[in-house]
Amino acid sequence: MEYVILYGSQTGNCEQIAKEFTNMLEENNTFVTCTTLNDYITTFQNDGIEQTIFIICSTTGNGDPPDNACLFWRKIKNRLLPKTFFQNTQYFVVGLGDTNYNNFCRMGKIIHKRMKELGSNALGDIILIDEVHDLEEQVEEMYKIVLPLFCTTIH
């Protein structure tokens, strides 16, 4: 089983959270790869290796992906992809956004939905983090939910 932490980050918040989560997992003897959504999809091959994927992605502009998630979104939204594209994966998505905008956490929501459509198994409901409120407190609560899903030494 491979563990992969992916982020789409325009201002750096998602990247920082992804790297912090990576460090937490490695401290608990779980080896993970941490990279951008774009870098992941450019090398992804459905080669039968099972992956557990944690995705944290912000929304920018008018409900758009961050620059380092554009290629990922362009690839997975393609309706010609087979429904088994992500069949050997399980995933958890966290959306980061601001409720002052109409498309609050749009990228997290549509990535979550599309991953399921492409054959991946959701490990739980999407978590939406609102940057208007205490970001640090919401991230800590998210870790309490997600860390046990990725780390076998925590119960």
N, C-alpha and C. Protein backbone atom coordinates (compact mmCIF):
# COMPACT_ATOMS: atom_id res chain seq x y z
N MET A 1 0.85 -1.19 0.00
CA MET A 1 0.00 0.00 0.00
C MET A 1 0.88 1.23 0.00
N GLU A 2 0.61 2.13 -0.91
CA GLU A 2 1.30 3.41 -0.96
C GLU A 2 0.39 4.49 -0.37
N TYR A 3 0.99 5.40 0.39
CA TYR A 3 0.27 6.53 0.94
C TYR A 3 0.74 7.79 0.24
N VAL A 4 -0.22 8.57 -0.25
CA VAL A 4 0.11 9.75 -1.05
C VAL A 4 -0.66 10.95 -0.51
N ILE A 5 0.06 12.03 -0.28
CA ILE A 5 -0.55 13.29 0.15
C ILE A 5 -0.45 14.25 -1.03
N LEU A 6 -1.60 14.75 -1.48
CA LEU A 6 -1.65 15.64 -2.64
C LEU A 6 -2.27 16.97 -2.25
N TYR A 7 -1.73 18.03 -2.83
CA TYR A 7 -2.30 19.34 -2.53
C TYR A 7 -2.40 20.21 -3.77
N GLY A 8 -3.42 21.06 -3.72
CA GLY A 8 -3.60 22.13 -4.69
C GLY A 8 -3.69 23.40 -3.87
N SER A 9 -2.72 24.28 -4.05
CA SER A 9 -2.59 25.42 -3.15
C SER A 9 -2.20 26.67 -3.91
N GLN A 10 -3.00 27.72 -3.80
CA GLN A 10 -2.68 28.98 -4.48
C GLN A 10 -1.85 29.89 -3.57
N THR A 11 -2.21 29.96 -2.30
CA THR A 11 -1.53 30.89 -1.39
C THR A 11 -0.55 30.19 -0.45
N GLY A 12 -0.53 28.86 -0.46
CA GLY A 12 0.41 28.12 0.37
C GLY A 12 -0.20 27.43 1.57
N ASN A 13 -1.45 27.74 1.92
CA ASN A 13 -2.06 27.12 3.10
C ASN A 13 -2.21 25.61 2.94
N CYS A 14 -2.73 25.17 1.81
CA CYS A 14 -2.91 23.72 1.60
C CYS A 14 -1.57 23.01 1.53
N GLU A 15 -0.60 23.65 0.92
CA GLU A 15 0.74 23.05 0.86
C GLU A 15 1.31 22.87 2.27
N GLN A 16 1.17 23.89 3.09
CA GLN A 16 1.68 23.83 4.47
C GLN A 16 0.98 22.72 5.25
N ILE A 17 -0.34 22.61 5.12
CA ILE A 17 -1.09 21.57 5.83
C ILE A 17 -0.66 20.19 5.34
N ALA A 18 -0.50 20.04 4.03
CA ALA A 18 -0.09 18.74 3.46
C ALA A 18 1.28 18.33 3.97
N LYS A 19 2.21 19.27 4.04
CA LYS A 19 3.55 18.94 4.51
C LYS A 19 3.56 18.65 6.01
N GLU A 20 2.74 19.35 6.75
CA GLU A 20 2.62 19.09 8.18
C GLU A 20 2.03 17.69 8.41
N PHE A 21 1.02 17.34 7.63
CA PHE A 21 0.40 16.02 7.74
C PHE A 21 1.41 14.93 7.36
N THR A 22 2.20 15.18 6.34
CA THR A 22 3.25 14.24 5.93
C THR A 22 4.21 14.00 7.09
N ASN A 23 4.65 15.06 7.74
CA ASN A 23 5.57 14.93 8.88
C ASN A 23 4.93 14.13 10.01
N MET A 24 3.65 14.38 10.27
CA MET A 24 2.96 13.64 11.34
C MET A 24 2.94 12.14 11.03
N LEU A 25 2.66 11.80 9.79
CA LEU A 25 2.62 10.39 9.41
C LEU A 25 3.99 9.75 9.51
N GLU A 26 5.00 10.46 9.04
CA GLU A 26 6.36 9.91 9.08
C GLU A 26 6.85 9.74 10.51
N GLU A 27 6.43 10.61 11.42
CA GLU A 27 6.78 10.45 12.83
C GLU A 27 6.16 9.19 13.42
N ASN A 28 5.07 8.72 12.79
CA ASN A 28 4.40 7.50 13.23
C ASN A 28 4.72 6.31 12.31
N ASN A 29 5.90 6.39 11.69
CA ASN A 29 6.43 5.29 10.87
C ASN A 29 5.57 4.92 9.67
N THR A 30 4.89 5.89 9.10
CA THR A 30 4.16 5.67 7.86
C THR A 30 4.86 6.46 6.77
N PHE A 31 5.38 5.76 5.77
CA PHE A 31 6.08 6.43 4.68
C PHE A 31 5.05 6.97 3.69
N VAL A 32 5.19 8.24 3.34
CA VAL A 32 4.26 8.87 2.40
C VAL A 32 5.02 9.68 1.36
N THR A 33 4.36 9.88 0.24
CA THR A 33 4.83 10.78 -0.79
C THR A 33 3.95 12.02 -0.74
N CYS A 34 4.53 13.19 -0.79
CA CYS A 34 3.78 14.44 -0.76
C CYS A 34 4.15 15.25 -1.99
N THR A 35 3.13 15.63 -2.78
CA THR A 35 3.39 16.37 -4.01
C THR A 35 2.14 17.15 -4.42
N THR A 36 2.28 17.96 -5.45
CA THR A 36 1.13 18.70 -5.96
C THR A 36 0.21 17.76 -6.74
N LEU A 37 -1.02 18.15 -6.88
CA LEU A 37 -1.97 17.39 -7.69
C LEU A 37 -1.46 17.28 -9.13
N ASN A 38 -0.91 18.37 -9.66
CA ASN A 38 -0.39 18.35 -11.04
C ASN A 38 0.73 17.34 -11.20
N ASP A 39 1.70 17.36 -10.29
CA ASP A 39 2.84 16.45 -10.41
C ASP A 39 2.37 14.99 -10.30
N TYR A 40 1.41 14.74 -9.46
CA TYR A 40 0.89 13.38 -9.28
C TYR A 40 0.27 12.86 -10.58
N ILE A 41 -0.61 13.65 -11.18
CA ILE A 41 -1.36 13.15 -12.32
C ILE A 41 -0.49 12.98 -13.56
N THR A 42 0.61 13.72 -13.65
CA THR A 42 1.47 13.60 -14.84
C THR A 42 2.24 12.28 -14.83
N THR A 43 2.36 11.64 -13.67
CA THR A 43 3.08 10.36 -13.60
C THR A 43 2.18 9.20 -13.20
N PHE A 44 0.89 9.46 -12.95
CA PHE A 44 -0.01 8.42 -12.48
C PHE A 44 -0.22 7.33 -13.52
N GLN A 45 -0.11 6.09 -13.07
CA GLN A 45 -0.43 4.94 -13.91
C GLN A 45 -1.24 3.98 -13.05
N ASN A 46 -2.34 3.53 -13.60
CA ASN A 46 -3.15 2.55 -12.88
C ASN A 46 -2.51 1.19 -13.09
N ASP A 47 -1.47 0.91 -12.30
CA ASP A 47 -0.66 -0.29 -12.48
C ASP A 47 -0.95 -1.37 -11.45
N GLY A 48 -2.07 -1.25 -10.77
CA GLY A 48 -2.46 -2.27 -9.81
C GLY A 48 -1.95 -2.05 -8.39
N ILE A 49 -1.06 -1.08 -8.21
CA ILE A 49 -0.56 -0.78 -6.87
C ILE A 49 -1.65 -0.02 -6.11
N GLU A 50 -2.00 -0.52 -4.94
CA GLU A 50 -3.03 0.14 -4.15
C GLU A 50 -2.48 1.39 -3.50
N GLN A 51 -3.27 2.45 -3.55
CA GLN A 51 -2.87 3.72 -2.96
C GLN A 51 -3.97 4.24 -2.05
N THR A 52 -3.55 4.84 -0.95
CA THR A 52 -4.44 5.62 -0.10
C THR A 52 -4.01 7.07 -0.28
N ILE A 53 -4.96 7.88 -0.72
CA ILE A 53 -4.65 9.25 -1.12
C ILE A 53 -5.38 10.24 -0.22
N PHE A 54 -4.63 11.21 0.28
CA PHE A 54 -5.19 12.35 1.01
C PHE A 54 -5.05 13.55 0.10
N ILE A 55 -6.16 14.22 -0.19
CA ILE A 55 -6.15 15.39 -1.07
C ILE A 55 -6.64 16.59 -0.28
N ILE A 56 -5.86 17.66 -0.31
CA ILE A 56 -6.31 18.92 0.24
C ILE A 56 -6.17 19.97 -0.85
N CYS A 57 -7.28 20.63 -1.17
CA CYS A 57 -7.27 21.56 -2.29
C CYS A 57 -8.09 22.79 -1.97
N SER A 58 -7.54 23.93 -2.32
CA SER A 58 -8.26 25.19 -2.16
C SER A 58 -8.99 25.51 -3.47
N THR A 59 -9.79 26.54 -3.42
CA THR A 59 -10.51 27.03 -4.59
C THR A 59 -10.06 28.47 -4.80
N THR A 60 -9.84 28.83 -6.05
CA THR A 60 -9.39 30.18 -6.35
C THR A 60 -10.29 30.79 -7.41
N GLY A 61 -10.18 32.11 -7.59
CA GLY A 61 -10.97 32.78 -8.63
C GLY A 61 -12.45 32.52 -8.46
N ASN A 62 -13.10 32.17 -9.56
CA ASN A 62 -14.54 31.92 -9.56
C ASN A 62 -14.81 30.41 -9.51
N GLY A 63 -14.31 29.77 -8.45
CA GLY A 63 -14.50 28.33 -8.30
C GLY A 63 -13.51 27.50 -9.08
N ASP A 64 -12.33 28.06 -9.33
CA ASP A 64 -11.32 27.42 -10.16
C ASP A 64 -10.28 26.68 -9.32
N PRO A 65 -9.54 25.75 -9.97
CA PRO A 65 -8.45 25.08 -9.26
C PRO A 65 -7.25 26.00 -9.11
N PRO A 66 -6.45 25.79 -8.09
CA PRO A 66 -5.18 26.53 -7.98
C PRO A 66 -4.28 26.15 -9.16
N ASP A 67 -3.28 26.96 -9.43
CA ASP A 67 -2.38 26.70 -10.55
C ASP A 67 -1.78 25.30 -10.50
N ASN A 68 -1.40 24.84 -9.31
CA ASN A 68 -0.74 23.53 -9.21
C ASN A 68 -1.73 22.36 -9.12
N ALA A 69 -3.00 22.63 -9.48
CA ALA A 69 -4.01 21.57 -9.56
C ALA A 69 -4.76 21.58 -10.89
N CYS A 70 -4.44 22.51 -11.78
CA CYS A 70 -5.15 22.66 -13.07
C CYS A 70 -5.03 21.42 -13.95
N LEU A 71 -3.82 20.90 -14.07
CA LEU A 71 -3.61 19.72 -14.92
C LEU A 71 -4.36 18.51 -14.37
N PHE A 72 -4.33 18.35 -13.05
CA PHE A 72 -5.05 17.26 -12.40
C PHE A 72 -6.53 17.34 -12.73
N TRP A 73 -7.12 18.52 -12.51
CA TRP A 73 -8.55 18.68 -12.75
C TRP A 73 -8.88 18.48 -14.22
N ARG A 74 -8.08 19.02 -15.11
CA ARG A 74 -8.32 18.86 -16.54
C ARG A 74 -8.32 17.37 -16.92
N LYS A 75 -7.41 16.61 -16.35
CA LYS A 75 -7.31 15.18 -16.64
C LYS A 75 -8.51 14.41 -16.10
N ILE A 76 -8.83 14.59 -14.81
CA ILE A 76 -9.87 13.73 -14.22
C ILE A 76 -11.29 14.15 -14.61
N LYS A 77 -11.48 15.36 -15.09
CA LYS A 77 -12.84 15.75 -15.50
C LYS A 77 -13.19 15.21 -16.88
N ASN A 78 -12.21 14.66 -17.59
CA ASN A 78 -12.42 14.10 -18.92
C ASN A 78 -13.44 12.96 -18.85
N ARG A 79 -14.56 13.12 -19.49
CA ARG A 79 -15.64 12.13 -19.43
C ARG A 79 -15.31 10.84 -20.20
N LEU A 80 -14.20 10.84 -20.94
CA LEU A 80 -13.80 9.63 -21.66
C LEU A 80 -12.94 8.69 -20.80
N LEU A 81 -12.55 9.15 -19.62
CA LEU A 81 -11.78 8.27 -18.73
C LEU A 81 -12.63 7.08 -18.32
N PRO A 82 -12.02 5.91 -18.22
CA PRO A 82 -12.79 4.75 -17.77
C PRO A 82 -13.23 4.90 -16.32
N LYS A 83 -14.36 4.31 -16.01
CA LYS A 83 -14.90 4.37 -14.63
C LYS A 83 -14.02 3.60 -13.65
N THR A 84 -12.97 2.97 -14.14
CA THR A 84 -12.03 2.22 -13.30
C THR A 84 -10.68 2.94 -13.18
N PHE A 85 -10.63 4.19 -13.60
CA PHE A 85 -9.37 4.94 -13.64
C PHE A 85 -8.65 4.92 -12.29
N PHE A 86 -9.39 5.10 -11.20
CA PHE A 86 -8.81 5.10 -9.86
C PHE A 86 -9.24 3.87 -9.05
N GLN A 87 -9.44 2.74 -9.71
CA GLN A 87 -10.00 1.57 -9.04
C GLN A 87 -9.12 1.01 -7.93
N ASN A 88 -7.84 1.24 -7.94
CA ASN A 88 -6.96 0.70 -6.91
C ASN A 88 -6.63 1.73 -5.82
N THR A 89 -7.50 2.72 -5.69
CA THR A 89 -7.21 3.77 -4.71
C THR A 89 -8.37 3.93 -3.73
N GLN A 90 -8.02 4.45 -2.59
CA GLN A 90 -9.00 4.96 -1.65
C GLN A 90 -8.54 6.37 -1.30
N TYR A 91 -9.48 7.23 -0.95
CA TYR A 91 -9.10 8.63 -0.82
C TYR A 91 -9.90 9.34 0.27
N PHE A 92 -9.35 10.48 0.66
CA PHE A 92 -10.03 11.39 1.58
C PHE A 92 -9.74 12.80 1.08
N VAL A 93 -10.78 13.63 0.98
CA VAL A 93 -10.62 14.99 0.46
C VAL A 93 -10.95 16.02 1.53
N VAL A 94 -10.10 17.04 1.60
CA VAL A 94 -10.35 18.22 2.42
C VAL A 94 -10.36 19.42 1.49
N GLY A 95 -11.43 20.20 1.56
CA GLY A 95 -11.53 21.43 0.78
C GLY A 95 -11.24 22.61 1.68
N LEU A 96 -10.48 23.55 1.16
CA LEU A 96 -10.16 24.76 1.91
C LEU A 96 -10.75 25.93 1.16
N GLY A 97 -11.50 26.78 1.84
CA GLY A 97 -12.14 27.89 1.16
C GLY A 97 -12.55 28.99 2.10
N ASP A 98 -13.36 29.89 1.56
CA ASP A 98 -13.79 31.09 2.27
C ASP A 98 -15.27 31.27 1.99
N THR A 99 -16.10 31.23 3.03
CA THR A 99 -17.54 31.33 2.84
C THR A 99 -17.99 32.70 2.34
N ASN A 100 -17.09 33.65 2.24
CA ASN A 100 -17.44 34.94 1.65
C ASN A 100 -17.57 34.85 0.13
N TYR A 101 -17.17 33.73 -0.46
CA TYR A 101 -17.25 33.52 -1.90
C TYR A 101 -18.36 32.54 -2.24
N ASN A 102 -18.99 32.74 -3.40
CA ASN A 102 -20.12 31.91 -3.83
C ASN A 102 -19.75 30.45 -4.01
N ASN A 103 -18.56 30.16 -4.51
CA ASN A 103 -18.15 28.80 -4.80
C ASN A 103 -17.28 28.22 -3.69
N PHE A 104 -17.79 28.29 -2.46
CA PHE A 104 -17.06 27.83 -1.29
C PHE A 104 -16.61 26.38 -1.46
N CYS A 105 -15.30 26.17 -1.41
CA CYS A 105 -14.69 24.84 -1.48
C CYS A 105 -15.11 24.05 -2.72
N ARG A 106 -15.42 24.72 -3.81
CA ARG A 106 -15.89 24.04 -5.01
C ARG A 106 -14.93 22.97 -5.48
N MET A 107 -13.62 23.25 -5.51
CA MET A 107 -12.67 22.27 -6.03
C MET A 107 -12.65 21.01 -5.17
N GLY A 108 -12.64 21.16 -3.86
CA GLY A 108 -12.67 19.99 -3.00
C GLY A 108 -13.91 19.15 -3.25
N LYS A 109 -15.05 19.82 -3.38
CA LYS A 109 -16.32 19.11 -3.59
C LYS A 109 -16.33 18.35 -4.91
N ILE A 110 -15.87 18.98 -5.98
CA ILE A 110 -15.96 18.30 -7.28
C ILE A 110 -14.86 17.25 -7.44
N ILE A 111 -13.72 17.44 -6.81
CA ILE A 111 -12.68 16.39 -6.83
C ILE A 111 -13.20 15.17 -6.08
N HIS A 112 -13.80 15.40 -4.90
CA HIS A 112 -14.36 14.30 -4.11
C HIS A 112 -15.36 13.50 -4.95
N LYS A 113 -16.27 14.17 -5.59
CA LYS A 113 -17.29 13.52 -6.40
C LYS A 113 -16.67 12.77 -7.58
N ARG A 114 -15.72 13.39 -8.25
CA ARG A 114 -15.13 12.78 -9.45
C ARG A 114 -14.26 11.57 -9.11
N MET A 115 -13.55 11.61 -8.00
CA MET A 115 -12.74 10.47 -7.59
C MET A 115 -13.64 9.23 -7.42
N LYS A 116 -14.79 9.42 -6.80
CA LYS A 116 -15.73 8.33 -6.59
C LYS A 116 -16.25 7.81 -7.93
N GLU A 117 -16.58 8.74 -8.85
CA GLU A 117 -17.07 8.34 -10.18
C GLU A 117 -16.04 7.52 -10.95
N LEU A 118 -14.76 7.75 -10.66
CA LEU A 118 -13.68 7.05 -11.38
C LEU A 118 -13.20 5.79 -10.64
N GLY A 119 -14.01 5.30 -9.71
CA GLY A 119 -13.74 4.00 -9.12
C GLY A 119 -12.98 3.99 -7.81
N SER A 120 -12.64 5.16 -7.28
CA SER A 120 -11.94 5.21 -6.00
C SER A 120 -12.93 5.08 -4.85
N ASN A 121 -12.47 4.59 -3.74
CA ASN A 121 -13.30 4.39 -2.56
C ASN A 121 -13.05 5.50 -1.54
N ALA A 122 -14.08 6.25 -1.22
CA ALA A 122 -13.96 7.33 -0.25
C ALA A 122 -13.81 6.76 1.16
N LEU A 123 -12.84 7.27 1.90
CA LEU A 123 -12.63 6.83 3.29
C LEU A 123 -13.54 7.56 4.27
N GLY A 124 -14.26 8.54 3.77
CA GLY A 124 -15.16 9.31 4.60
C GLY A 124 -15.70 10.50 3.84
N ASP A 125 -16.61 11.22 4.47
CA ASP A 125 -17.16 12.42 3.85
C ASP A 125 -16.11 13.51 3.79
N ILE A 126 -16.22 14.34 2.77
CA ILE A 126 -15.31 15.47 2.60
C ILE A 126 -15.38 16.38 3.83
N ILE A 127 -14.24 16.96 4.19
CA ILE A 127 -14.19 17.96 5.25
C ILE A 127 -13.97 19.30 4.59
N LEU A 128 -14.79 20.28 4.93
CA LEU A 128 -14.67 21.63 4.39
C LEU A 128 -14.16 22.56 5.48
N ILE A 129 -13.08 23.23 5.20
CA ILE A 129 -12.47 24.15 6.15
C ILE A 129 -12.68 25.58 5.65
N ASP A 130 -13.25 26.40 6.51
CA ASP A 130 -13.56 27.79 6.18
C ASP A 130 -12.48 28.70 6.76
N GLU A 131 -11.76 29.36 5.88
CA GLU A 131 -10.66 30.22 6.31
C GLU A 131 -11.14 31.47 7.06
N VAL A 132 -12.44 31.75 7.02
CA VAL A 132 -12.98 32.89 7.75
C VAL A 132 -12.88 32.65 9.26
N HIS A 133 -13.03 31.39 9.66
CA HIS A 133 -12.98 31.03 11.07
C HIS A 133 -11.57 30.60 11.45
N ASP A 134 -11.38 30.15 12.66
CA ASP A 134 -10.07 29.77 13.17
C ASP A 134 -9.51 28.59 12.38
N LEU A 135 -8.61 28.89 11.46
CA LEU A 135 -8.03 27.88 10.57
C LEU A 135 -7.30 26.81 11.35
N GLU A 136 -6.49 27.22 12.30
CA GLU A 136 -5.67 26.28 13.07
C GLU A 136 -6.54 25.27 13.83
N GLU A 137 -7.60 25.76 14.44
CA GLU A 137 -8.50 24.88 15.20
C GLU A 137 -9.19 23.88 14.28
N GLN A 138 -9.64 24.32 13.11
CA GLN A 138 -10.30 23.43 12.16
C GLN A 138 -9.34 22.37 11.62
N VAL A 139 -8.09 22.76 11.39
CA VAL A 139 -7.08 21.82 10.89
C VAL A 139 -6.80 20.76 11.95
N GLU A 140 -6.69 21.17 13.20
CA GLU A 140 -6.46 20.21 14.28
C GLU A 140 -7.60 19.20 14.38
N GLU A 141 -8.83 19.67 14.23
CA GLU A 141 -9.99 18.77 14.26
C GLU A 141 -9.94 17.80 13.08
N MET A 142 -9.53 18.31 11.92
CA MET A 142 -9.41 17.47 10.73
C MET A 142 -8.38 16.37 10.94
N TYR A 143 -7.24 16.72 11.55
CA TYR A 143 -6.20 15.72 11.81
C TYR A 143 -6.72 14.59 12.70
N LYS A 144 -7.55 14.92 13.68
CA LYS A 144 -8.09 13.90 14.58
C LYS A 144 -8.91 12.87 13.81
N ILE A 145 -9.57 13.30 12.76
CA ILE A 145 -10.38 12.41 11.94
C ILE A 145 -9.53 11.63 10.94
N VAL A 146 -8.61 12.32 10.30
CA VAL A 146 -7.88 11.74 9.16
C VAL A 146 -6.65 10.94 9.57
N LEU A 147 -5.95 11.36 10.59
CA LEU A 147 -4.71 10.68 10.97
C LEU A 147 -4.89 9.18 11.19
N PRO A 148 -5.92 8.74 11.92
CA PRO A 148 -6.09 7.29 12.11
C PRO A 148 -6.35 6.52 10.81
N LEU A 149 -6.87 7.19 9.80
CA LEU A 149 -7.14 6.52 8.52
C LEU A 149 -5.83 6.21 7.77
N PHE A 150 -4.78 6.97 8.06
CA PHE A 150 -3.53 6.84 7.33
C PHE A 150 -2.40 6.26 8.15
N CYS A 151 -2.58 6.18 9.44
CA CYS A 151 -1.47 5.74 10.29
C CYS A 151 -1.89 4.53 11.10
N THR A 152 -1.23 3.42 10.86
CA THR A 152 -1.62 2.17 11.51
C THR A 152 -1.23 2.09 12.98
N THR A 153 -0.33 2.98 13.44
CA THR A 153 0.11 2.91 14.83
C THR A 153 -0.73 3.77 15.76
N ILE A 154 -1.70 4.51 15.21
CA ILE A 154 -2.57 5.36 16.02
C ILE A 154 -3.94 4.72 16.07
N HIS A 155 -4.52 4.62 17.25
CA HIS A 155 -5.85 4.01 17.37
C HIS A 155 -6.76 4.92 18.14
